[in-house]
Amino acid sequence: MSELRHRVVLHAYVTEKSMDEMERLNKLEFAVDRRATRAEIKRAVEGLYQCKVAKVNTKIVRTGKIATITLAKEFSAEDIGSRAGVF
């Protein structure tokens, strides 16, 4: 199962907009496998970072698939982002 999580979530996706959303809206962005569903992405992020995901939005871009993760109120996107390698 651990291997599956690492294949779903590829890496943190960092832009100025994603950094602003992390601070203001408690959201993180990840590049994910193009075939991954929202439920798989949610389980992978919760398993990798021991947090609770409130919502997952996805978009397809030229370079692949980007997932925007909204964390539950009790978790800080900045703390999870530091573990994910954003900083």
N, C-alpha and C. Protein backbone atom coordinates (compact mmCIF):
# COMPACT_ATOMS: atom_id res chain seq x y z
N MET A 1 0.82 -1.20 0.00
CA MET A 1 0.00 0.00 0.00
C MET A 1 0.86 1.26 0.00
N SER A 2 1.97 1.23 0.72
CA SER A 2 2.86 2.39 0.77
C SER A 2 3.38 2.73 -0.62
N GLU A 3 3.69 1.72 -1.41
CA GLU A 3 4.19 1.96 -2.76
C GLU A 3 3.14 2.65 -3.61
N LEU A 4 1.86 2.27 -3.43
CA LEU A 4 0.78 2.87 -4.18
C LEU A 4 0.66 4.35 -3.87
N ARG A 5 0.77 4.73 -2.61
CA ARG A 5 0.68 6.14 -2.23
C ARG A 5 1.76 6.96 -2.91
N HIS A 6 2.95 6.41 -2.98
CA HIS A 6 4.05 7.15 -3.58
C HIS A 6 3.90 7.23 -5.10
N ARG A 7 3.14 6.32 -5.69
CA ARG A 7 2.90 6.40 -7.12
C ARG A 7 1.76 7.34 -7.45
N VAL A 8 0.84 7.57 -6.52
CA VAL A 8 -0.28 8.49 -6.76
C VAL A 8 0.19 9.93 -6.62
N VAL A 9 0.80 10.28 -5.50
CA VAL A 9 1.29 11.63 -5.25
C VAL A 9 2.74 11.69 -5.71
N LEU A 10 3.00 12.49 -6.76
CA LEU A 10 4.35 12.55 -7.32
C LEU A 10 5.23 13.54 -6.56
N HIS A 11 4.76 14.78 -6.42
CA HIS A 11 5.53 15.81 -5.69
C HIS A 11 4.64 17.02 -5.43
N ALA A 12 5.11 17.89 -4.55
CA ALA A 12 4.37 19.13 -4.27
C ALA A 12 4.49 20.05 -5.48
N TYR A 13 3.42 20.76 -5.78
CA TYR A 13 3.37 21.68 -6.91
C TYR A 13 3.36 23.09 -6.34
N VAL A 14 4.46 23.83 -6.51
CA VAL A 14 4.63 25.12 -5.84
C VAL A 14 4.63 26.25 -6.86
N THR A 15 3.68 27.17 -6.70
CA THR A 15 3.62 28.40 -7.48
C THR A 15 3.29 29.53 -6.51
N GLU A 16 3.30 30.76 -6.99
CA GLU A 16 2.92 31.87 -6.12
C GLU A 16 1.47 31.73 -5.67
N LYS A 17 0.60 31.30 -6.57
CA LYS A 17 -0.81 31.13 -6.23
C LYS A 17 -0.98 30.03 -5.18
N SER A 18 -0.26 28.93 -5.34
CA SER A 18 -0.39 27.84 -4.36
C SER A 18 0.15 28.25 -2.99
N MET A 19 1.18 29.06 -2.96
CA MET A 19 1.71 29.54 -1.68
C MET A 19 0.69 30.47 -1.00
N ASP A 20 0.03 31.31 -1.78
CA ASP A 20 -0.99 32.20 -1.24
C ASP A 20 -2.17 31.40 -0.70
N GLU A 21 -2.61 30.37 -1.44
CA GLU A 21 -3.71 29.53 -0.99
C GLU A 21 -3.34 28.75 0.27
N MET A 22 -2.07 28.37 0.38
CA MET A 22 -1.63 27.65 1.57
C MET A 22 -1.78 28.53 2.81
N GLU A 23 -1.40 29.79 2.70
CA GLU A 23 -1.47 30.69 3.84
C GLU A 23 -2.91 31.12 4.16
N ARG A 24 -3.68 31.47 3.12
CA ARG A 24 -5.01 32.03 3.35
C ARG A 24 -6.12 30.99 3.47
N LEU A 25 -6.08 29.93 2.64
CA LEU A 25 -7.21 29.02 2.53
C LEU A 25 -6.94 27.60 3.03
N ASN A 26 -5.75 27.34 3.58
CA ASN A 26 -5.40 26.01 4.11
C ASN A 26 -5.43 24.94 3.01
N LYS A 27 -4.86 25.27 1.84
CA LYS A 27 -4.84 24.35 0.70
C LYS A 27 -3.41 24.05 0.28
N LEU A 28 -3.21 22.86 -0.28
CA LEU A 28 -1.93 22.45 -0.85
C LEU A 28 -2.17 21.92 -2.26
N GLU A 29 -1.16 22.02 -3.11
CA GLU A 29 -1.26 21.47 -4.46
C GLU A 29 -0.17 20.43 -4.67
N PHE A 30 -0.55 19.33 -5.32
CA PHE A 30 0.37 18.24 -5.62
C PHE A 30 0.23 17.84 -7.08
N ALA A 31 1.35 17.49 -7.69
CA ALA A 31 1.31 16.82 -8.99
C ALA A 31 1.02 15.36 -8.70
N VAL A 32 0.03 14.80 -9.39
CA VAL A 32 -0.39 13.43 -9.13
C VAL A 32 -0.41 12.64 -10.43
N ASP A 33 -0.50 11.32 -10.29
CA ASP A 33 -0.61 10.45 -11.44
C ASP A 33 -1.90 10.79 -12.19
N ARG A 34 -1.80 10.86 -13.49
CA ARG A 34 -2.93 11.27 -14.32
C ARG A 34 -4.13 10.32 -14.21
N ARG A 35 -3.87 9.06 -13.89
CA ARG A 35 -4.95 8.07 -13.80
C ARG A 35 -5.60 8.01 -12.42
N ALA A 36 -5.07 8.73 -11.44
CA ALA A 36 -5.57 8.66 -10.06
C ALA A 36 -6.93 9.35 -9.93
N THR A 37 -7.80 8.73 -9.15
CA THR A 37 -9.11 9.34 -8.86
C THR A 37 -9.00 10.22 -7.64
N ARG A 38 -10.04 11.01 -7.39
CA ARG A 38 -10.04 11.89 -6.21
C ARG A 38 -9.98 11.08 -4.92
N ALA A 39 -10.68 9.98 -4.87
CA ALA A 39 -10.67 9.14 -3.66
C ALA A 39 -9.27 8.57 -3.42
N GLU A 40 -8.59 8.12 -4.47
CA GLU A 40 -7.23 7.59 -4.32
C GLU A 40 -6.28 8.68 -3.86
N ILE A 41 -6.43 9.88 -4.40
CA ILE A 41 -5.57 11.00 -4.01
C ILE A 41 -5.80 11.33 -2.54
N LYS A 42 -7.05 11.36 -2.12
CA LYS A 42 -7.38 11.65 -0.72
C LYS A 42 -6.75 10.63 0.22
N ARG A 43 -6.91 9.35 -0.09
CA ARG A 43 -6.33 8.30 0.76
C ARG A 43 -4.81 8.38 0.78
N ALA A 44 -4.20 8.68 -0.36
CA ALA A 44 -2.74 8.75 -0.43
C ALA A 44 -2.20 9.91 0.41
N VAL A 45 -2.81 11.08 0.31
CA VAL A 45 -2.35 12.25 1.07
C VAL A 45 -2.57 12.01 2.57
N GLU A 46 -3.72 11.48 2.94
CA GLU A 46 -3.97 11.20 4.36
C GLU A 46 -3.00 10.17 4.91
N GLY A 47 -2.63 9.18 4.10
CA GLY A 47 -1.69 8.16 4.54
C GLY A 47 -0.26 8.67 4.63
N LEU A 48 0.14 9.47 3.66
CA LEU A 48 1.52 9.97 3.64
C LEU A 48 1.79 11.01 4.73
N TYR A 49 0.83 11.91 4.96
CA TYR A 49 1.08 13.05 5.83
C TYR A 49 0.27 13.02 7.13
N GLN A 50 -0.44 11.93 7.43
CA GLN A 50 -1.21 11.77 8.66
C GLN A 50 -2.07 13.01 8.94
N CYS A 51 -2.92 13.36 7.99
CA CYS A 51 -3.81 14.50 8.13
C CYS A 51 -5.19 14.12 7.63
N LYS A 52 -6.15 15.02 7.78
CA LYS A 52 -7.52 14.78 7.30
C LYS A 52 -7.79 15.73 6.15
N VAL A 53 -8.18 15.17 5.00
CA VAL A 53 -8.47 15.95 3.81
C VAL A 53 -9.97 16.23 3.76
N ALA A 54 -10.33 17.51 3.61
CA ALA A 54 -11.74 17.89 3.53
C ALA A 54 -12.25 17.80 2.10
N LYS A 55 -11.42 18.17 1.12
CA LYS A 55 -11.87 18.23 -0.27
C LYS A 55 -10.69 18.08 -1.22
N VAL A 56 -10.96 17.47 -2.38
CA VAL A 56 -9.94 17.32 -3.43
C VAL A 56 -10.50 17.85 -4.73
N ASN A 57 -9.80 18.79 -5.35
CA ASN A 57 -10.13 19.27 -6.68
C ASN A 57 -8.97 18.91 -7.59
N THR A 58 -9.27 18.55 -8.84
CA THR A 58 -8.22 18.19 -9.78
C THR A 58 -8.36 19.00 -11.06
N LYS A 59 -7.23 19.16 -11.74
CA LYS A 59 -7.22 19.80 -13.06
C LYS A 59 -6.14 19.16 -13.90
N ILE A 60 -6.40 19.07 -15.17
CA ILE A 60 -5.42 18.54 -16.12
C ILE A 60 -4.72 19.72 -16.78
N VAL A 61 -3.41 19.71 -16.73
CA VAL A 61 -2.59 20.74 -17.38
C VAL A 61 -1.66 20.05 -18.36
N ARG A 62 -0.93 20.81 -19.10
CA ARG A 62 -0.05 20.26 -20.12
C ARG A 62 0.97 19.28 -19.55
N THR A 63 1.45 19.56 -18.35
CA THR A 63 2.49 18.71 -17.75
C THR A 63 1.94 17.52 -16.99
N GLY A 64 0.61 17.42 -16.80
CA GLY A 64 0.03 16.29 -16.09
C GLY A 64 -1.22 16.69 -15.33
N LYS A 65 -1.42 16.08 -14.19
CA LYS A 65 -2.60 16.32 -13.37
C LYS A 65 -2.20 16.96 -12.05
N ILE A 66 -2.91 18.03 -11.67
CA ILE A 66 -2.64 18.75 -10.44
C ILE A 66 -3.85 18.59 -9.51
N ALA A 67 -3.60 18.23 -8.27
CA ALA A 67 -4.66 18.10 -7.27
C ALA A 67 -4.52 19.21 -6.24
N THR A 68 -5.61 19.92 -6.00
CA THR A 68 -5.66 20.93 -4.95
C THR A 68 -6.37 20.30 -3.75
N ILE A 69 -5.66 20.21 -2.65
CA ILE A 69 -6.15 19.54 -1.45
C ILE A 69 -6.53 20.59 -0.42
N THR A 70 -7.78 20.56 0.05
CA THR A 70 -8.22 21.41 1.15
C THR A 70 -8.17 20.56 2.41
N LEU A 71 -7.41 21.02 3.38
CA LEU A 71 -7.26 20.28 4.64
C LEU A 71 -8.35 20.64 5.62
N ALA A 72 -8.64 19.73 6.53
CA ALA A 72 -9.60 19.98 7.60
C ALA A 72 -9.07 21.10 8.50
N LYS A 73 -9.97 21.77 9.20
CA LYS A 73 -9.61 22.94 10.02
C LYS A 73 -8.53 22.66 11.06
N GLU A 74 -8.52 21.44 11.61
CA GLU A 74 -7.57 21.15 12.69
C GLU A 74 -6.14 20.91 12.21
N PHE A 75 -5.92 20.88 10.90
CA PHE A 75 -4.58 20.68 10.35
C PHE A 75 -4.11 21.93 9.62
N SER A 76 -2.83 22.22 9.71
CA SER A 76 -2.26 23.40 9.10
C SER A 76 -1.56 23.02 7.79
N ALA A 77 -1.91 23.72 6.72
CA ALA A 77 -1.30 23.46 5.43
C ALA A 77 0.19 23.80 5.44
N GLU A 78 0.58 24.77 6.24
CA GLU A 78 1.99 25.14 6.33
C GLU A 78 2.81 24.02 6.97
N ASP A 79 2.28 23.37 8.00
CA ASP A 79 2.98 22.26 8.64
C ASP A 79 3.10 21.07 7.68
N ILE A 80 2.01 20.73 7.01
CA ILE A 80 2.03 19.62 6.06
C ILE A 80 2.93 19.97 4.88
N GLY A 81 2.88 21.21 4.43
CA GLY A 81 3.73 21.66 3.32
C GLY A 81 5.20 21.56 3.63
N SER A 82 5.57 21.85 4.87
CA SER A 82 6.99 21.72 5.23
C SER A 82 7.43 20.27 5.18
N ARG A 83 6.53 19.33 5.57
CA ARG A 83 6.87 17.91 5.48
C ARG A 83 6.88 17.43 4.03
N ALA A 84 6.10 18.09 3.17
CA ALA A 84 6.02 17.68 1.76
C ALA A 84 7.15 18.27 0.93
N GLY A 85 7.94 19.18 1.51
CA GLY A 85 9.07 19.74 0.78
C GLY A 85 8.76 21.02 0.04
N VAL A 86 7.73 21.75 0.47
CA VAL A 86 7.37 23.00 -0.17
C VAL A 86 8.39 24.08 0.17
N PHE A 87 8.86 24.08 1.43
CA PHE A 87 9.80 25.12 1.86
C PHE A 87 11.22 24.66 1.71
